Amino acid sequence: MTDERILRLNELAKKYKSGVPLTEAELQERDALRKEYVAAFRESLRAQLDNTYIQTPDGRRTKLRPKGK
């Protein structure tokens, strides 16, 4: 997600929080930007967790696995 899109999402959030009603187009844009932001956040977190290892006291390193596997 680009910085411009994040800034636009923040603009819409500030406008909404200030009490100014958003138009239908702005509401749809805000929802689409939110979904894109959450998807980018999850992708980033997944990449970070995929490169995470647990080190035991004896020095062994084990790759972090998803819960239940």
N, C-alpha and C. Protein backbone atom coordinates (compact mmCIF):
# COMPACT_ATOMS: atom_id res chain seq x y z
N MET A 1 0.86 -1.17 0.00
CA MET A 1 0.00 0.00 0.00
C MET A 1 0.90 1.23 0.00
N THR A 2 0.62 2.16 -0.89
CA THR A 2 1.47 3.33 -1.03
C THR A 2 1.16 4.37 0.05
N ASP A 3 2.09 5.27 0.26
CA ASP A 3 1.91 6.33 1.25
C ASP A 3 0.74 7.24 0.87
N GLU A 4 0.54 7.46 -0.42
CA GLU A 4 -0.56 8.32 -0.86
C GLU A 4 -1.91 7.72 -0.49
N ARG A 5 -2.01 6.41 -0.63
CA ARG A 5 -3.27 5.74 -0.30
C ARG A 5 -3.52 5.76 1.20
N ILE A 6 -2.46 5.62 1.99
CA ILE A 6 -2.60 5.70 3.45
C ILE A 6 -3.02 7.11 3.85
N LEU A 7 -2.41 8.11 3.23
CA LEU A 7 -2.80 9.50 3.52
C LEU A 7 -4.26 9.75 3.17
N ARG A 8 -4.71 9.20 2.06
CA ARG A 8 -6.12 9.37 1.67
C ARG A 8 -7.04 8.69 2.68
N LEU A 9 -6.68 7.52 3.13
CA LEU A 9 -7.46 6.82 4.15
C LEU A 9 -7.53 7.65 5.43
N ASN A 10 -6.41 8.23 5.82
CA ASN A 10 -6.38 9.09 7.01
C ASN A 10 -7.23 10.35 6.82
N GLU A 11 -7.21 10.92 5.63
CA GLU A 11 -8.04 12.10 5.35
C GLU A 11 -9.52 11.77 5.52
N LEU A 12 -9.93 10.65 4.97
CA LEU A 12 -11.33 10.25 5.08
C LEU A 12 -11.70 9.98 6.54
N ALA A 13 -10.80 9.37 7.29
CA ALA A 13 -11.07 9.08 8.70
C ALA A 13 -11.21 10.38 9.50
N LYS A 14 -10.33 11.35 9.24
CA LYS A 14 -10.40 12.64 9.95
C LYS A 14 -11.69 13.38 9.61
N LYS A 15 -12.06 13.33 8.35
CA LYS A 15 -13.29 13.99 7.92
C LYS A 15 -14.48 13.38 8.63
N TYR A 16 -14.53 12.05 8.70
CA TYR A 16 -15.63 11.35 9.34
C TYR A 16 -15.66 11.64 10.84
N LYS A 17 -14.50 11.63 11.49
CA LYS A 17 -14.42 11.87 12.93
C LYS A 17 -14.78 13.30 13.31
N SER A 18 -14.59 14.23 12.37
CA SER A 18 -14.92 15.63 12.66
C SER A 18 -16.41 15.91 12.57
N GLY A 19 -17.18 14.91 12.16
CA GLY A 19 -18.62 15.06 12.11
C GLY A 19 -19.17 15.37 10.73
N VAL A 20 -18.30 15.50 9.75
CA VAL A 20 -18.74 15.76 8.38
C VAL A 20 -19.16 14.43 7.75
N PRO A 21 -20.40 14.33 7.29
CA PRO A 21 -20.83 13.05 6.69
C PRO A 21 -20.10 12.80 5.38
N LEU A 22 -19.75 11.54 5.16
CA LEU A 22 -19.08 11.14 3.93
C LEU A 22 -20.12 10.80 2.87
N THR A 23 -19.79 11.10 1.63
CA THR A 23 -20.68 10.75 0.53
C THR A 23 -20.62 9.24 0.31
N GLU A 24 -21.53 8.73 -0.46
CA GLU A 24 -21.55 7.29 -0.74
C GLU A 24 -20.26 6.85 -1.43
N ALA A 25 -19.75 7.68 -2.33
CA ALA A 25 -18.50 7.36 -3.03
C ALA A 25 -17.33 7.34 -2.05
N GLU A 26 -17.33 8.29 -1.12
CA GLU A 26 -16.25 8.33 -0.13
C GLU A 26 -16.32 7.13 0.82
N LEU A 27 -17.53 6.72 1.18
CA LEU A 27 -17.69 5.54 2.03
C LEU A 27 -17.15 4.29 1.33
N GLN A 28 -17.46 4.15 0.05
CA GLN A 28 -16.97 3.00 -0.70
C GLN A 28 -15.46 3.05 -0.84
N GLU A 29 -14.92 4.24 -1.08
CA GLU A 29 -13.47 4.40 -1.19
C GLU A 29 -12.80 4.05 0.14
N ARG A 30 -13.39 4.53 1.24
CA ARG A 30 -12.83 4.26 2.57
C ARG A 30 -12.83 2.76 2.85
N ASP A 31 -13.92 2.08 2.53
CA ASP A 31 -14.01 0.65 2.76
C ASP A 31 -12.97 -0.12 1.94
N ALA A 32 -12.80 0.28 0.68
CA ALA A 32 -11.82 -0.38 -0.19
C ALA A 32 -10.40 -0.14 0.34
N LEU A 33 -10.12 1.09 0.77
CA LEU A 33 -8.79 1.40 1.31
C LEU A 33 -8.53 0.65 2.61
N ARG A 34 -9.54 0.51 3.44
CA ARG A 34 -9.39 -0.25 4.69
C ARG A 34 -9.06 -1.70 4.40
N LYS A 35 -9.78 -2.30 3.47
CA LYS A 35 -9.52 -3.69 3.11
C LYS A 35 -8.11 -3.87 2.57
N GLU A 36 -7.68 -2.93 1.74
CA GLU A 36 -6.33 -2.98 1.18
C GLU A 36 -5.28 -2.84 2.28
N TYR A 37 -5.54 -1.93 3.24
CA TYR A 37 -4.60 -1.71 4.34
C TYR A 37 -4.49 -2.97 5.21
N VAL A 38 -5.62 -3.57 5.56
CA VAL A 38 -5.61 -4.77 6.39
C VAL A 38 -4.90 -5.91 5.67
N ALA A 39 -5.14 -6.06 4.38
CA ALA A 39 -4.49 -7.12 3.61
C ALA A 39 -2.97 -6.91 3.60
N ALA A 40 -2.52 -5.68 3.42
CA ALA A 40 -1.09 -5.38 3.41
C ALA A 40 -0.48 -5.63 4.79
N PHE A 41 -1.22 -5.28 5.84
CA PHE A 41 -0.74 -5.50 7.20
C PHE A 41 -0.58 -6.99 7.48
N ARG A 42 -1.58 -7.77 7.09
CA ARG A 42 -1.52 -9.22 7.31
C ARG A 42 -0.39 -9.86 6.53
N GLU A 43 -0.19 -9.40 5.30
CA GLU A 43 0.89 -9.93 4.47
C GLU A 43 2.25 -9.64 5.11
N SER A 44 2.41 -8.44 5.62
CA SER A 44 3.65 -8.05 6.27
C SER A 44 3.89 -8.88 7.53
N LEU A 45 2.85 -9.05 8.32
CA LEU A 45 2.97 -9.84 9.55
C LEU A 45 3.28 -11.29 9.23
N ARG A 46 2.62 -11.84 8.21
CA ARG A 46 2.88 -13.23 7.81
C ARG A 46 4.33 -13.40 7.38
N ALA A 47 4.86 -12.45 6.62
CA ALA A 47 6.26 -12.53 6.19
C ALA A 47 7.20 -12.48 7.38
N GLN A 48 6.88 -11.65 8.36
CA GLN A 48 7.71 -11.54 9.56
C GLN A 48 7.66 -12.85 10.35
N LEU A 49 6.48 -13.42 10.50
CA LEU A 49 6.36 -14.67 11.25
C LEU A 49 7.00 -15.84 10.51
N ASP A 50 6.98 -15.80 9.18
CA ASP A 50 7.62 -16.86 8.40
C ASP A 50 9.13 -16.87 8.59
N ASN A 51 9.69 -15.76 9.02
CA ASN A 51 11.13 -15.66 9.24
C ASN A 51 11.49 -15.60 10.72
N THR A 52 10.60 -16.13 11.57
CA THR A 52 10.82 -16.13 13.01
C THR A 52 11.22 -17.52 13.47
N TYR A 53 12.23 -17.59 14.31
CA TYR A 53 12.71 -18.85 14.85
C TYR A 53 12.68 -18.79 16.37
N ILE A 54 12.46 -19.94 16.99
CA ILE A 54 12.50 -20.08 18.44
C ILE A 54 13.82 -20.73 18.80
N GLN A 55 14.57 -20.10 19.71
CA GLN A 55 15.84 -20.67 20.11
C GLN A 55 15.69 -21.25 21.51
N THR A 56 16.05 -22.53 21.64
CA THR A 56 15.96 -23.21 22.93
C THR A 56 17.21 -22.92 23.74
N PRO A 57 17.17 -23.17 25.05
CA PRO A 57 18.35 -22.92 25.88
C PRO A 57 19.60 -23.67 25.45
N ASP A 58 19.42 -24.83 24.79
CA ASP A 58 20.60 -25.58 24.35
C ASP A 58 21.14 -25.08 23.00
N GLY A 59 20.54 -24.04 22.42
CA GLY A 59 21.06 -23.43 21.21
C GLY A 59 20.38 -23.85 19.93
N ARG A 60 19.48 -24.83 19.99
CA ARG A 60 18.77 -25.25 18.77
C ARG A 60 17.79 -24.17 18.34
N ARG A 61 17.67 -24.02 17.04
CA ARG A 61 16.72 -23.05 16.49
C ARG A 61 15.64 -23.81 15.72
N THR A 62 14.39 -23.50 16.03
CA THR A 62 13.25 -24.15 15.38
C THR A 62 12.40 -23.09 14.72
N LYS A 63 12.04 -23.33 13.48
CA LYS A 63 11.20 -22.39 12.75
C LYS A 63 9.81 -22.34 13.40
N LEU A 64 9.26 -21.16 13.52
CA LEU A 64 7.93 -20.98 14.08
C LEU A 64 6.91 -21.55 13.12
N ARG A 65 6.00 -22.38 13.62
CA ARG A 65 4.98 -23.01 12.80
C ARG A 65 3.62 -22.46 13.18
N PRO A 66 2.67 -22.49 12.24
CA PRO A 66 1.31 -22.07 12.57
C PRO A 66 0.72 -22.94 13.67
N LYS A 67 -0.11 -22.36 14.49
CA LYS A 67 -0.72 -23.09 15.60
C LYS A 67 -1.55 -24.25 15.05
N GLY A 68 -1.43 -25.41 15.70
CA GLY A 68 -2.20 -26.57 15.31
C GLY A 68 -1.52 -27.46 14.29
N LYS A 69 -0.33 -27.10 13.88
CA LYS A 69 0.39 -27.94 12.89
C LYS A 69 1.60 -28.56 13.52
